[in-house]
């Protein structure tokens, strides 16, 4: 998947994952990125910093906690996310489209989400 995203000129898979978390999480902090992706806070912070440097994300002060910041998609980030998701969805359809249709595909997605959440709760 990562090679396909790069070949299409889209963000790599790791960046896509971060952008997706930020897009779907209201008042997203680095902690939420780490939890959603089952990675360390340090790893999430580095990933966010790379995307801020590429101007795909922006940080703003957290009005509820001066020690943290809120991470948001920029206009360029929104465009990058849409482009990468188009490639991602097409590639998933190519790999699994005939085997998993409709309800089976939704069930598979729920199972993957459950496994990721479980793994996140068992990090050392």
PDB file of N, CA and C in Angstrom:
ATOM      1  N   UNK A   1       0.825  -1.189   0.000  1.00  0.00           N
ATOM      2  CA  UNK A   1       0.000   0.000   0.000  1.00  0.00           C
ATOM      3  C   UNK A   1       0.871   1.255   0.000  1.00  0.00           C
ATOM      4  N   UNK A   2       1.913   1.236   0.829  1.00  0.00           N
ATOM      5  CA  UNK A   2       2.775   2.407   0.917  1.00  0.00           C
ATOM      6  C   UNK A   2       3.422   2.707  -0.432  1.00  0.00           C
ATOM      7  N   UNK A   3       3.890   1.666  -1.108  1.00  0.00           N
ATOM      8  CA  UNK A   3       4.513   1.859  -2.421  1.00  0.00           C
ATOM      9  C   UNK A   3       3.513   2.431  -3.420  1.00  0.00           C
ATOM     10  N   UNK A   4       2.281   1.965  -3.378  1.00  0.00           N
ATOM     11  CA  UNK A   4       1.243   2.468  -4.297  1.00  0.00           C
ATOM     12  C   UNK A   4       0.944   3.930  -4.017  1.00  0.00           C
ATOM     13  N   UNK A   5       0.851   4.301  -2.742  1.00  0.00           N
ATOM     14  CA  UNK A   5       0.610   5.701  -2.376  1.00  0.00           C
ATOM     15  C   UNK A   5       1.750   6.590  -2.872  1.00  0.00           C
ATOM     16  N   UNK A   6       2.970   6.152  -2.637  1.00  0.00           N
ATOM     17  CA  UNK A   6       4.131   6.944  -3.080  1.00  0.00           C
ATOM     18  C   UNK A   6       4.178   7.059  -4.595  1.00  0.00           C
ATOM     19  N   UNK A   7       3.878   5.960  -5.301  1.00  0.00           N
ATOM     20  CA  UNK A   7       3.890   5.977  -6.762  1.00  0.00           C
ATOM     21  C   UNK A   7       2.870   6.964  -7.316  1.00  0.00           C
ATOM     22  N   UNK A   8       1.767   7.142  -6.599  1.00  0.00           N
ATOM     23  CA  UNK A   8       0.723   8.064  -7.033  1.00  0.00           C
ATOM     24  C   UNK A   8       1.002   9.500  -6.591  1.00  0.00           C
ATOM     25  N   UNK A   9       2.116   9.698  -5.884  1.00  0.00           N
ATOM     26  CA  UNK A   9       2.452  11.046  -5.420  1.00  0.00           C
ATOM     27  C   UNK A   9       1.676  11.458  -4.181  1.00  0.00           C
ATOM     28  N   UNK A  10       1.079  10.495  -3.500  1.00  0.00           N
ATOM     29  CA  UNK A  10       0.305  10.783  -2.289  1.00  0.00           C
ATOM     30  C   UNK A  10       1.221  10.673  -1.065  1.00  0.00           C
ATOM     31  N   UNK A  11       0.686  11.064   0.083  1.00  0.00           N
ATOM     32  CA  UNK A  11       1.445  10.929   1.319  1.00  0.00           C
ATOM     33  C   UNK A  11       1.646   9.446   1.628  1.00  0.00           C
ATOM     34  N   UNK A  12       2.727   9.089   2.316  1.00  0.00           N
ATOM     35  CA  UNK A  12       2.925   7.691   2.684  1.00  0.00           C
ATOM     36  C   UNK A  12       1.865   7.213   3.678  1.00  0.00           C
ATOM     37  N   UNK A  13       1.782   5.907   3.837  1.00  0.00           N
ATOM     38  CA  UNK A  13       0.743   5.301   4.660  1.00  0.00           C
ATOM     39  C   UNK A  13       0.766   5.814   6.101  1.00  0.00           C
ATOM     40  N   UNK A  14       1.927   5.942   6.698  1.00  0.00           N
ATOM     41  CA  UNK A  14       2.007   6.446   8.067  1.00  0.00           C
ATOM     42  C   UNK A  14       1.430   7.845   8.191  1.00  0.00           C
ATOM     43  N   UNK A  15       1.725   8.697   7.232  1.00  0.00           N
ATOM     44  CA  UNK A  15       1.179  10.056   7.236  1.00  0.00           C
ATOM     45  C   UNK A  15      -0.324  10.044   7.009  1.00  0.00           C
ATOM     46  N   UNK A  16      -0.771   9.171   6.121  1.00  0.00           N
ATOM     47  CA  UNK A  16      -2.213   9.045   5.883  1.00  0.00           C
ATOM     48  C   UNK A  16      -2.932   8.674   7.167  1.00  0.00           C
ATOM     49  N   UNK A  17      -2.379   7.721   7.912  1.00  0.00           N
ATOM     50  CA  UNK A  17      -3.002   7.318   9.172  1.00  0.00           C
ATOM     51  C   UNK A  17      -3.130   8.493  10.135  1.00  0.00           C
ATOM     52  N   UNK A  18      -2.081   9.298  10.254  1.00  0.00           N
ATOM     53  CA  UNK A  18      -2.111  10.456  11.158  1.00  0.00           C
ATOM     54  C   UNK A  18      -3.155  11.464  10.679  1.00  0.00           C
ATOM     55  N   UNK A  19      -3.165  11.758   9.390  1.00  0.00           N
ATOM     56  CA  UNK A  19      -4.135  12.716   8.843  1.00  0.00           C
ATOM     57  C   UNK A  19      -5.566  12.242   9.093  1.00  0.00           C
ATOM     58  N   UNK A  20      -5.810  10.948   8.942  1.00  0.00           N
ATOM     59  CA  UNK A  20      -7.153  10.419   9.177  1.00  0.00           C
ATOM     60  C   UNK A  20      -7.568  10.591  10.632  1.00  0.00           C
ATOM     61  N   UNK A  21      -6.673  10.330  11.559  1.00  0.00           N
ATOM     62  CA  UNK A  21      -6.999  10.495  12.976  1.00  0.00           C
ATOM     63  C   UNK A  21      -7.318  11.952  13.278  1.00  0.00           C
ATOM     64  N   UNK A  22      -6.499  12.850  12.792  1.00  0.00           N
ATOM     65  CA  UNK A  22      -6.721  14.273  13.043  1.00  0.00           C
ATOM     66  C   UNK A  22      -8.047  14.715  12.433  1.00  0.00           C
ATOM     67  N   UNK A  23      -8.348  14.239  11.243  1.00  0.00           N
ATOM     68  CA  UNK A  23      -9.587  14.633  10.563  1.00  0.00           C
ATOM     69  C   UNK A  23     -10.829  14.184  11.313  1.00  0.00           C
ATOM     70  N   UNK A  24     -10.782  13.025  11.942  1.00  0.00           N
ATOM     71  CA  UNK A  24     -11.989  12.504  12.586  1.00  0.00           C
ATOM     72  C   UNK A  24     -12.056  12.769  14.086  1.00  0.00           C
ATOM     73  N   UNK A  25     -11.039  13.432  14.650  1.00  0.00           N
ATOM     74  CA  UNK A  25     -10.993  13.667  16.086  1.00  0.00           C
ATOM     75  C   UNK A  25     -11.144  15.147  16.385  1.00  0.00           C
ATOM     76  N   UNK A  26     -12.225  15.490  17.046  1.00  0.00           N
ATOM     77  CA  UNK A  26     -12.450  16.885  17.421  1.00  0.00           C
ATOM     78  C   UNK A  26     -11.430  17.290  18.475  1.00  0.00           C
ATOM     79  N   UNK A  27     -10.861  18.480  18.312  1.00  0.00           N
ATOM     80  CA  UNK A  27      -9.854  19.003  19.243  1.00  0.00           C
ATOM     81  C   UNK A  27      -8.752  17.965  19.466  1.00  0.00           C
ATOM     82  N   UNK A  28      -8.194  17.486  18.368  1.00  0.00           N
ATOM     83  CA  UNK A  28      -7.208  16.401  18.410  1.00  0.00           C
ATOM     84  C   UNK A  28      -5.894  16.868  19.031  1.00  0.00           C
ATOM     85  N   UNK A  29      -5.397  16.049  19.945  1.00  0.00           N
ATOM     86  CA  UNK A  29      -4.077  16.272  20.539  1.00  0.00           C
ATOM     87  C   UNK A  29      -3.172  15.114  20.128  1.00  0.00           C
ATOM     88  N   UNK A  30      -1.898  15.261  20.331  1.00  0.00           N
ATOM     89  CA  UNK A  30      -0.953  14.199  19.994  1.00  0.00           C
ATOM     90  C   UNK A  30      -1.323  12.911  20.727  1.00  0.00           C
ATOM     91  N   UNK A  31      -1.816  13.035  21.959  1.00  0.00           N
ATOM     92  CA  UNK A  31      -2.248  11.852  22.718  1.00  0.00           C
ATOM     93  C   UNK A  31      -3.284  11.036  21.950  1.00  0.00           C
ATOM     94  N   UNK A  32      -4.254  11.703  21.337  1.00  0.00           N
ATOM     95  CA  UNK A  32      -5.281  10.992  20.577  1.00  0.00           C
ATOM     96  C   UNK A  32      -4.681  10.281  19.364  1.00  0.00           C
ATOM     97  N   UNK A  33      -3.706  10.907  18.741  1.00  0.00           N
ATOM     98  CA  UNK A  33      -3.036  10.264  17.604  1.00  0.00           C
ATOM     99  C   UNK A  33      -2.330   8.998  18.086  1.00  0.00           C
ATOM    100  N   UNK A  34      -1.592   9.112  19.187  1.00  0.00           N
ATOM    101  CA  UNK A  34      -0.876   7.953  19.733  1.00  0.00           C
ATOM    102  C   UNK A  34      -1.843   6.832  20.088  1.00  0.00           C
ATOM    103  N   UNK A  35      -2.926   7.171  20.775  1.00  0.00           N
ATOM    104  CA  UNK A  35      -3.902   6.149  21.168  1.00  0.00           C
ATOM    105  C   UNK A  35      -4.551   5.484  19.955  1.00  0.00           C
ATOM    106  N   UNK A  36      -4.966   6.293  18.989  1.00  0.00           N
ATOM    107  CA  UNK A  36      -5.671   5.746  17.826  1.00  0.00           C
ATOM    108  C   UNK A  36      -4.786   4.842  16.984  1.00  0.00           C
ATOM    109  N   UNK A  37      -3.492   5.152  16.935  1.00  0.00           N
ATOM    110  CA  UNK A  37      -2.584   4.378  16.087  1.00  0.00           C
ATOM    111  C   UNK A  37      -1.760   3.357  16.868  1.00  0.00           C
ATOM    112  N   UNK A  38      -2.007   3.291  18.167  1.00  0.00           N
ATOM    113  CA  UNK A  38      -1.271   2.349  19.028  1.00  0.00           C
ATOM    114  C   UNK A  38       0.239   2.534  18.907  1.00  0.00           C
ATOM    115  N   UNK A  39       0.669   3.798  18.978  1.00  0.00           N
ATOM    116  CA  UNK A  39       2.090   4.127  18.948  1.00  0.00           C
ATOM    117  C   UNK A  39       2.409   4.974  20.176  1.00  0.00           C
ATOM    118  N   UNK A  40       3.683   5.196  20.414  1.00  0.00           N
ATOM    119  CA  UNK A  40       4.075   5.990  21.568  1.00  0.00           C
ATOM    120  C   UNK A  40       3.747   7.460  21.340  1.00  0.00           C
ATOM    121  N   UNK A  41       3.656   8.208  22.423  1.00  0.00           N
ATOM    122  CA  UNK A  41       3.416   9.646  22.306  1.00  0.00           C
ATOM    123  C   UNK A  41       4.587  10.315  21.588  1.00  0.00           C
ATOM    124  N   UNK A  42       5.802   9.849  21.871  1.00  0.00           N
ATOM    125  CA  UNK A  42       6.967  10.402  21.176  1.00  0.00           C
ATOM    126  C   UNK A  42       6.906  10.166  19.678  1.00  0.00           C
ATOM    127  N   UNK A  43       6.506   8.954  19.280  1.00  0.00           N
ATOM    128  CA  UNK A  43       6.375   8.643  17.859  1.00  0.00           C
ATOM    129  C   UNK A  43       5.280   9.466  17.201  1.00  0.00           C
ATOM    130  N   UNK A  44       4.166   9.634  17.917  1.00  0.00           N
ATOM    131  CA  UNK A  44       3.064  10.446  17.390  1.00  0.00           C
ATOM    132  C   UNK A  44       3.493  11.900  17.259  1.00  0.00           C
ATOM    133  N   UNK A  45       4.219  12.391  18.243  1.00  0.00           N
ATOM    134  CA  UNK A  45       4.680  13.779  18.209  1.00  0.00           C
ATOM    135  C   UNK A  45       5.620  14.012  17.029  1.00  0.00           C
ATOM    136  N   UNK A  46       6.527  13.070  16.791  1.00  0.00           N
ATOM    137  CA  UNK A  46       7.433  13.192  15.643  1.00  0.00           C
ATOM    138  C   UNK A  46       6.665  13.164  14.324  1.00  0.00           C
ATOM    139  N   UNK A  47       5.679  12.283  14.221  1.00  0.00           N
ATOM    140  CA  UNK A  47       4.870  12.199  13.000  1.00  0.00           C
ATOM    141  C   UNK A  47       4.113  13.510  12.771  1.00  0.00           C
ATOM    142  N   UNK A  48       3.530  14.047  13.836  1.00  0.00           N
ATOM    143  CA  UNK A  48       2.810  15.321  13.725  1.00  0.00           C
ATOM    144  C   UNK A  48       3.783  16.431  13.335  1.00  0.00           C
ATOM    145  N   UNK A  49       4.960  16.473  13.949  1.00  0.00           N
ATOM    146  CA  UNK A  49       5.950  17.502  13.614  1.00  0.00           C
ATOM    147  C   UNK A  49       6.336  17.456  12.141  1.00  0.00           C
ATOM    148  N   UNK A  50       6.511  16.244  11.601  1.00  0.00           N
ATOM    149  CA  UNK A  50       6.851  16.121  10.173  1.00  0.00           C
ATOM    150  C   UNK A  50       5.733  16.681   9.291  1.00  0.00           C
ATOM    151  N   UNK A  51       4.484  16.421   9.673  1.00  0.00           N
ATOM    152  CA  UNK A  51       3.354  16.910   8.880  1.00  0.00           C
ATOM    153  C   UNK A  51       3.145  18.410   9.058  1.00  0.00           C
ATOM    154  N   UNK A  52       3.483  18.938  10.214  1.00  0.00           N
ATOM    155  CA  UNK A  52       3.454  20.392  10.421  1.00  0.00           C
ATOM    156  C   UNK A  52       4.515  21.040   9.532  1.00  0.00           C
ATOM    157  N   UNK A  53       5.707  20.449   9.481  1.00  0.00           N
ATOM    158  CA  UNK A  53       6.783  20.976   8.638  1.00  0.00           C
ATOM    159  C   UNK A  53       6.398  20.967   7.164  1.00  0.00           C
ATOM    160  N   UNK A  54       5.585  19.997   6.767  1.00  0.00           N
ATOM    161  CA  UNK A  54       5.115  19.922   5.374  1.00  0.00           C
ATOM    162  C   UNK A  54       3.868  20.772   5.145  1.00  0.00           C
ATOM    163  N   UNK A  55       3.427  21.468   6.192  1.00  0.00           N
ATOM    164  CA  UNK A  55       2.250  22.343   6.173  1.00  0.00           C
ATOM    165  C   UNK A  55       0.954  21.592   5.867  1.00  0.00           C
ATOM    166  N   UNK A  56       0.903  20.315   6.275  1.00  0.00           N
ATOM    167  CA  UNK A  56      -0.320  19.528   6.133  1.00  0.00           C
ATOM    168  C   UNK A  56      -1.133  19.564   7.427  1.00  0.00           C
ATOM    169  N   UNK A  57      -0.462  19.839   8.540  1.00  0.00           N
ATOM    170  CA  UNK A  57      -1.103  20.021   9.841  1.00  0.00           C
ATOM    171  C   UNK A  57      -0.631  21.339  10.441  1.00  0.00           C
ATOM    172  N   UNK A  58      -1.436  21.849  11.354  1.00  0.00           N
ATOM    173  CA  UNK A  58      -1.059  23.050  12.107  1.00  0.00           C
ATOM    174  C   UNK A  58      -1.373  22.800  13.577  1.00  0.00           C
ATOM    175  N   UNK A  59      -0.577  23.394  14.420  1.00  0.00           N
ATOM    176  CA  UNK A  59      -0.832  23.325  15.864  1.00  0.00           C
ATOM    177  C   UNK A  59      -1.363  24.668  16.319  1.00  0.00           C
ATOM    178  N   UNK A  60      -2.299  24.614  17.252  1.00  0.00           N
ATOM    179  CA  UNK A  60      -2.772  25.838  17.893  1.00  0.00           C
ATOM    180  C   UNK A  60      -2.875  25.562  19.390  1.00  0.00           C
ATOM    181  N   UNK A  61      -2.793  26.610  20.198  1.00  0.00           N
ATOM    182  CA  UNK A  61      -2.870  26.401  21.648  1.00  0.00           C
ATOM    183  C   UNK A  61      -4.186  25.728  22.039  1.00  0.00           C
ATOM    184  N   UNK A  62      -4.094  24.857  23.018  1.00  0.00           N
ATOM    185  CA  UNK A  62      -5.280  24.192  23.552  1.00  0.00           C
ATOM    186  C   UNK A  62      -5.884  25.104  24.613  1.00  0.00           C
ATOM    187  N   UNK A  63      -7.080  25.637  24.371  1.00  0.00           N
ATOM    188  CA  UNK A  63      -7.663  26.560  25.345  1.00  0.00           C
ATOM    189  C   UNK A  63      -7.993  25.901  26.684  1.00  0.00           C
ATOM    190  N   UNK A  64      -8.135  24.585  26.691  1.00  0.00           N
ATOM    191  CA  UNK A  64      -8.476  23.880  27.918  1.00  0.00           C
ATOM    192  C   UNK A  64      -7.277  23.371  28.694  1.00  0.00           C
ATOM    193  N   UNK A  65      -6.077  23.418  28.089  1.00  0.00           N
ATOM    194  CA  UNK A  65      -4.881  22.893  28.736  1.00  0.00           C
ATOM    195  C   UNK A  65      -3.661  23.551  28.109  1.00  0.00           C
ATOM    196  N   UNK A  66      -3.085  24.501  28.811  1.00  0.00           N
ATOM    197  CA  UNK A  66      -1.973  25.269  28.241  1.00  0.00           C
ATOM    198  C   UNK A  66      -0.734  24.418  27.991  1.00  0.00           C
ATOM    199  N   UNK A  67      -0.683  23.213  28.544  1.00  0.00           N
ATOM    200  CA  UNK A  67       0.486  22.347  28.352  1.00  0.00           C
ATOM    201  C   UNK A  67       0.437  21.592  27.028  1.00  0.00           C
ATOM    202  N   UNK A  68      -0.693  21.586  26.354  1.00  0.00           N
ATOM    203  CA  UNK A  68      -0.802  20.834  25.102  1.00  0.00           C
ATOM    204  C   UNK A  68      -1.310  21.736  23.990  1.00  0.00           C
ATOM    205  N   UNK A  69      -1.279  21.207  22.785  1.00  0.00           N
ATOM    206  CA  UNK A  69      -1.799  21.942  21.640  1.00  0.00           C
ATOM    207  C   UNK A  69      -2.805  21.080  20.899  1.00  0.00           C
ATOM    208  N   UNK A  70      -3.616  21.755  20.117  1.00  0.00           N
ATOM    209  CA  UNK A  70      -4.597  21.099  19.255  1.00  0.00           C
ATOM    210  C   UNK A  70      -3.968  20.993  17.869  1.00  0.00           C
ATOM    211  N   UNK A  71      -4.145  19.848  17.244  1.00  0.00           N
ATOM    212  CA  UNK A  71      -3.604  19.603  15.908  1.00  0.00           C
ATOM    213  C   UNK A  71      -4.766  19.613  14.928  1.00  0.00           C
ATOM    214  N   UNK A  72      -4.608  20.361  13.843  1.00  0.00           N
ATOM    215  CA  UNK A  72      -5.681  20.490  12.847  1.00  0.00           C
ATOM    216  C   UNK A  72      -5.119  20.325  11.442  1.00  0.00           C
ATOM    217  N   UNK A  73      -5.974  19.845  10.549  1.00  0.00           N
ATOM    218  CA  UNK A  73      -5.615  19.789   9.133  1.00  0.00           C
ATOM    219  C   UNK A  73      -5.557  21.206   8.567  1.00  0.00           C
ATOM    220  N   UNK A  74      -4.591  21.460   7.716  1.00  0.00           N
ATOM    221  CA  UNK A  74      -4.572  22.687   6.938  1.00  0.00           C
ATOM    222  C   UNK A  74      -5.354  22.427   5.645  1.00  0.00           C
ATOM    223  N   UNK A  75      -5.520  23.443   4.836  1.00  0.00           N
ATOM    224  CA  UNK A  75      -6.175  23.236   3.532  1.00  0.00           C
ATOM    225  C   UNK A  75      -5.376  22.233   2.702  1.00  0.00           C
ATOM    226  N   UNK A  76      -4.049  22.362   2.724  1.00  0.00           N
ATOM    227  CA  UNK A  76      -3.201  21.421   1.984  1.00  0.00           C
ATOM    228  C   UNK A  76      -3.318  20.016   2.571  1.00  0.00           C
ATOM    229  N   UNK A  77      -3.470  19.922   3.878  1.00  0.00           N
ATOM    230  CA  UNK A  77      -3.647  18.630   4.531  1.00  0.00           C
ATOM    231  C   UNK A  77      -4.950  17.965   4.133  1.00  0.00           C
ATOM    232  N   UNK A  78      -5.996  18.761   4.030  1.00  0.00           N
ATOM    233  CA  UNK A  78      -7.292  18.239   3.607  1.00  0.00           C
ATOM    234  C   UNK A  78      -7.202  17.695   2.179  1.00  0.00           C
ATOM    235  N   UNK A  79      -6.511  18.416   1.314  1.00  0.00           N
ATOM    236  CA  UNK A  79      -6.325  17.959  -0.068  1.00  0.00           C
ATOM    237  C   UNK A  79      -5.472  16.698  -0.126  1.00  0.00           C
ATOM    238  N   UNK A  80      -4.399  16.669   0.657  1.00  0.00           N
ATOM    239  CA  UNK A  80      -3.520  15.499   0.679  1.00  0.00           C
ATOM    240  C   UNK A  80      -4.258  14.269   1.199  1.00  0.00           C
ATOM    241  N   UNK A  81      -5.091  14.468   2.208  1.00  0.00           N
ATOM    242  CA  UNK A  81      -5.877  13.369   2.764  1.00  0.00           C
ATOM    243  C   UNK A  81      -6.845  12.822   1.723  1.00  0.00           C
ATOM    244  N   UNK A  82      -7.550  13.698   1.047  1.00  0.00           N
ATOM    245  CA  UNK A  82      -8.515  13.255   0.029  1.00  0.00           C
ATOM    246  C   UNK A  82      -7.817  12.495  -1.098  1.00  0.00           C
ATOM    247  N   UNK A  83      -6.680  13.001  -1.553  1.00  0.00           N
ATOM    248  CA  UNK A  83      -5.944  12.341  -2.637  1.00  0.00           C
ATOM    249  C   UNK A  83      -5.448  10.965  -2.204  1.00  0.00           C
ATOM    250  N   UNK A  84      -4.903  10.882  -0.993  1.00  0.00           N
ATOM    251  CA  UNK A  84      -4.378   9.603  -0.502  1.00  0.00           C
ATOM    252  C   UNK A  84      -5.500   8.603  -0.260  1.00  0.00           C
ATOM    253  N   UNK A  85      -6.626   9.058   0.264  1.00  0.00           N
ATOM    254  CA  UNK A  85      -7.743   8.142   0.508  1.00  0.00           C
ATOM    255  C   UNK A  85      -8.301   7.581  -0.797  1.00  0.00           C
ATOM    256  N   UNK A  86      -8.282   8.362  -1.858  1.00  0.00           N
ATOM    257  CA  UNK A  86      -8.733   7.879  -3.159  1.00  0.00           C
ATOM    258  C   UNK A  86      -7.847   6.735  -3.634  1.00  0.00           C
ATOM    259  N   UNK A  87      -6.534   6.915  -3.518  1.00  0.00           N
ATOM    260  CA  UNK A  87      -5.588   5.860  -3.905  1.00  0.00           C
ATOM    261  C   UNK A  87      -5.756   4.648  -2.990  1.00  0.00           C
ATOM    262  N   UNK A  88      -5.865   4.897  -1.686  1.00  0.00           N
ATOM    263  CA  UNK A  88      -6.012   3.828  -0.694  1.00  0.00           C
ATOM    264  C   UNK A  88      -7.260   2.998  -0.976  1.00  0.00           C
ATOM    265  N   UNK A  89      -8.390   3.665  -1.180  1.00  0.00           N
ATOM    266  CA  UNK A  89      -9.643   2.956  -1.443  1.00  0.00           C
ATOM    267  C   UNK A  89      -9.579   2.146  -2.733  1.00  0.00           C
ATOM    268  N   UNK A  90      -8.970   2.710  -3.766  1.00  0.00           N
ATOM    269  CA  UNK A  90      -8.850   1.988  -5.037  1.00  0.00           C
ATOM    270  C   UNK A  90      -7.968   0.756  -4.873  1.00  0.00           C
ATOM    271  N   UNK A  91      -6.910   0.893  -4.112  1.00  0.00           N
ATOM    272  CA  UNK A  91      -6.010  -0.244  -3.908  1.00  0.00           C
ATOM    273  C   UNK A  91      -6.677  -1.324  -3.064  1.00  0.00           C
ATOM    274  N   UNK A  92      -7.417  -0.932  -2.026  1.00  0.00           N
ATOM    275  CA  UNK A  92      -8.161  -1.919  -1.235  1.00  0.00           C
ATOM    276  C   UNK A  92      -9.190  -2.645  -2.082  1.00  0.00           C
ATOM    277  N   UNK A  93      -9.876  -1.914  -2.933  1.00  0.00           N
ATOM    278  CA  UNK A  93     -10.866  -2.544  -3.820  1.00  0.00           C
ATOM    279  C   UNK A  93     -10.188  -3.536  -4.753  1.00  0.00           C
ATOM    280  N   UNK A  94      -9.002  -3.181  -5.235  1.00  0.00           N
ATOM    281  CA  UNK A  94      -8.264  -4.069  -6.126  1.00  0.00           C
ATOM    282  C   UNK A  94      -7.868  -5.350  -5.394  1.00  0.00           C
ATOM    283  N   UNK A  95      -7.442  -5.220  -4.131  1.00  0.00           N
ATOM    284  CA  UNK A  95      -6.992  -6.388  -3.366  1.00  0.00           C
ATOM    285  C   UNK A  95      -8.141  -7.235  -2.856  1.00  0.00           C
ATOM    286  N   UNK A  96      -9.168  -6.572  -2.314  1.00  0.00           N
ATOM    287  CA  UNK A  96     -10.200  -7.294  -1.572  1.00  0.00           C
ATOM    288  C   UNK A  96     -11.609  -7.160  -2.138  1.00  0.00           C
ATOM    289  N   UNK A  97     -11.784  -6.348  -3.153  1.00  0.00           N
ATOM    290  CA  UNK A  97     -13.115  -6.029  -3.652  1.00  0.00           C
ATOM    291  C   UNK A  97     -13.975  -7.223  -4.005  1.00  0.00           C
ATOM    292  N   UNK A  98     -13.397  -8.208  -4.644  1.00  0.00           N
ATOM    293  CA  UNK A  98     -14.183  -9.375  -5.025  1.00  0.00           C
ATOM    294  C   UNK A  98     -14.423 -10.317  -3.854  1.00  0.00           C
ATOM    295  N   UNK A  99     -13.465 -10.379  -2.944  1.00  0.00           N
ATOM    296  CA  UNK A  99     -13.579 -11.305  -1.805  1.00  0.00           C
ATOM    297  C   UNK A  99     -14.473 -10.750  -0.698  1.00  0.00           C
ATOM    298  N   UNK A 100     -14.393  -9.467  -0.469  1.00  0.00           N
ATOM    299  CA  UNK A 100     -15.153  -8.839   0.621  1.00  0.00           C
ATOM    300  C   UNK A 100     -16.036  -7.740   0.057  1.00  0.00           C
ATOM    301  N   UNK A 101     -17.306  -7.982   0.018  1.00  0.00           N
ATOM    302  CA  UNK A 101     -18.232  -6.973  -0.476  1.00  0.00           C
ATOM    303  C   UNK A 101     -19.188  -6.571   0.634  1.00  0.00           C
ATOM    304  N   UNK A 102     -19.712  -5.372   0.527  1.00  0.00           N
ATOM    305  CA  UNK A 102     -20.748  -4.876   1.433  1.00  0.00           C
ATOM    306  C   UNK A 102     -20.505  -5.136   2.893  1.00  0.00           C
ATOM    307  N   UNK A 103     -21.367  -5.948   3.481  1.00  0.00           N
ATOM    308  CA  UNK A 103     -21.328  -6.231   4.911  1.00  0.00           C
ATOM    309  C   UNK A 103     -20.039  -6.891   5.355  1.00  0.00           C
ATOM    310  N   UNK A 104     -19.467  -7.756   4.530  1.00  0.00           N
ATOM    311  CA  UNK A 104     -18.225  -8.438   4.893  1.00  0.00           C
ATOM    312  C   UNK A 104     -17.079  -7.440   5.012  1.00  0.00           C
ATOM    313  N   UNK A 105     -17.045  -6.462   4.117  1.00  0.00           N
ATOM    314  CA  UNK A 105     -15.996  -5.451   4.166  1.00  0.00           C
ATOM    315  C   UNK A 105     -16.151  -4.575   5.412  1.00  0.00           C
ATOM    316  N   UNK A 106     -17.374  -4.192   5.743  1.00  0.00           N
ATOM    317  CA  UNK A 106     -17.620  -3.402   6.958  1.00  0.00           C
ATOM    318  C   UNK A 106     -17.249  -4.196   8.203  1.00  0.00           C
ATOM    319  N   UNK A 107     -17.573  -5.465   8.217  1.00  0.00           N
ATOM    320  CA  UNK A 107     -17.228  -6.327   9.343  1.00  0.00           C
ATOM    321  C   UNK A 107     -15.710  -6.440   9.490  1.00  0.00           C
ATOM    322  N   UNK A 108     -15.022  -6.583   8.390  1.00  0.00           N
ATOM    323  CA  UNK A 108     -13.565  -6.643   8.397  1.00  0.00           C
ATOM    324  C   UNK A 108     -12.978  -5.357   8.972  1.00  0.00           C
ATOM    325  N   UNK A 109     -13.502  -4.217   8.552  1.00  0.00           N
ATOM    326  CA  UNK A 109     -13.026  -2.922   9.063  1.00  0.00           C
ATOM    327  C   UNK A 109     -13.256  -2.814  10.569  1.00  0.00           C
ATOM    328  N   UNK A 110     -14.417  -3.265  11.047  1.00  0.00           N
ATOM    329  CA  UNK A 110     -14.694  -3.241  12.491  1.00  0.00           C
ATOM    330  C   UNK A 110     -13.731  -4.148  13.244  1.00  0.00           C
ATOM    331  N   UNK A 111     -13.456  -5.303  12.683  1.00  0.00           N
ATOM    332  CA  UNK A 111     -12.521  -6.232  13.321  1.00  0.00           C
ATOM    333  C   UNK A 111     -11.136  -5.621  13.422  1.00  0.00           C
ATOM    334  N   UNK A 112     -10.679  -4.991  12.359  1.00  0.00           N
ATOM    335  CA  UNK A 112      -9.370  -4.339  12.398  1.00  0.00           C
ATOM    336  C   UNK A 112      -9.341  -3.221  13.440  1.00  0.00           C
ATOM    337  N   UNK A 113     -10.405  -2.451  13.537  1.00  0.00           N
ATOM    338  CA  UNK A 113     -10.485  -1.384  14.545  1.00  0.00           C
ATOM    339  C   UNK A 113     -10.434  -1.965  15.950  1.00  0.00           C
ATOM    340  N   UNK A 114     -11.135  -3.055  16.163  1.00  0.00           N
ATOM    341  CA  UNK A 114     -11.141  -3.714  17.471  1.00  0.00           C
ATOM    342  C   UNK A 114      -9.742  -4.207  17.822  1.00  0.00           C
ATOM    343  N   UNK A 115      -9.065  -4.837  16.870  1.00  0.00           N
ATOM    344  CA  UNK A 115      -7.719  -5.338  17.123  1.00  0.00           C
ATOM    345  C   UNK A 115      -6.747  -4.197  17.410  1.00  0.00           C
ATOM    346  N   UNK A 116      -6.859  -3.092  16.681  1.00  0.00           N
ATOM    347  CA  UNK A 116      -5.979  -1.951  16.920  1.00  0.00           C
ATOM    348  C   UNK A 116      -6.217  -1.374  18.308  1.00  0.00           C
ATOM    349  N   UNK A 117      -7.477  -1.243  18.715  1.00  0.00           N
ATOM    350  CA  UNK A 117      -7.791  -0.724  20.047  1.00  0.00           C
ATOM    351  C   UNK A 117      -7.259  -1.655  21.124  1.00  0.00           C
ATOM    352  N   UNK A 118      -7.404  -2.963  20.919  1.00  0.00           N
ATOM    353  CA  UNK A 118      -6.902  -3.937  21.887  1.00  0.00           C
ATOM    354  C   UNK A 118      -5.382  -3.843  22.000  1.00  0.00           C
ATOM    355  N   UNK A 119      -4.714  -3.759  20.864  1.00  0.00           N
ATOM    356  CA  UNK A 119      -3.251  -3.654  20.872  1.00  0.00           C
ATOM    357  C   UNK A 119      -2.811  -2.374  21.577  1.00  0.00           C
ATOM    358  N   UNK A 120      -3.538  -1.299  21.372  1.00  0.00           N
ATOM    359  CA  UNK A 120      -3.211  -0.033  22.032  1.00  0.00           C
ATOM    360  C   UNK A 120      -3.297  -0.122  23.533  1.00  0.00           C
ATOM    361  N   UNK A 121      -4.188  -0.934  24.046  1.00  0.00           N
ATOM    362  CA  UNK A 121      -4.337  -1.094  25.483  1.00  0.00           C
ATOM    363  C   UNK A 121      -3.291  -2.013  26.084  1.00  0.00           C
ATOM    364  N   UNK A 122      -2.503  -2.659  25.242  1.00  0.00           N
ATOM    365  CA  UNK A 122      -1.494  -3.605  25.717  1.00  0.00           C
ATOM    366  C   UNK A 122      -0.069  -3.192  25.339  1.00  0.00           C
ATOM    367  N   UNK A 123       0.132  -1.894  25.137  1.00  0.00           N
ATOM    368  CA  UNK A 123       1.478  -1.421  24.840  1.00  0.00           C
ATOM    369  C   UNK A 123       2.310  -1.456  26.120  1.00  0.00           C
ATOM    370  N   UNK A 124       3.586  -1.771  25.968  1.00  0.00           N
ATOM    371  CA  UNK A 124       4.490  -1.770  27.122  1.00  0.00           C
ATOM    372  C   UNK A 124       5.273  -0.495  27.187  1.00  0.00           C
TER     373      UNK A 124
END
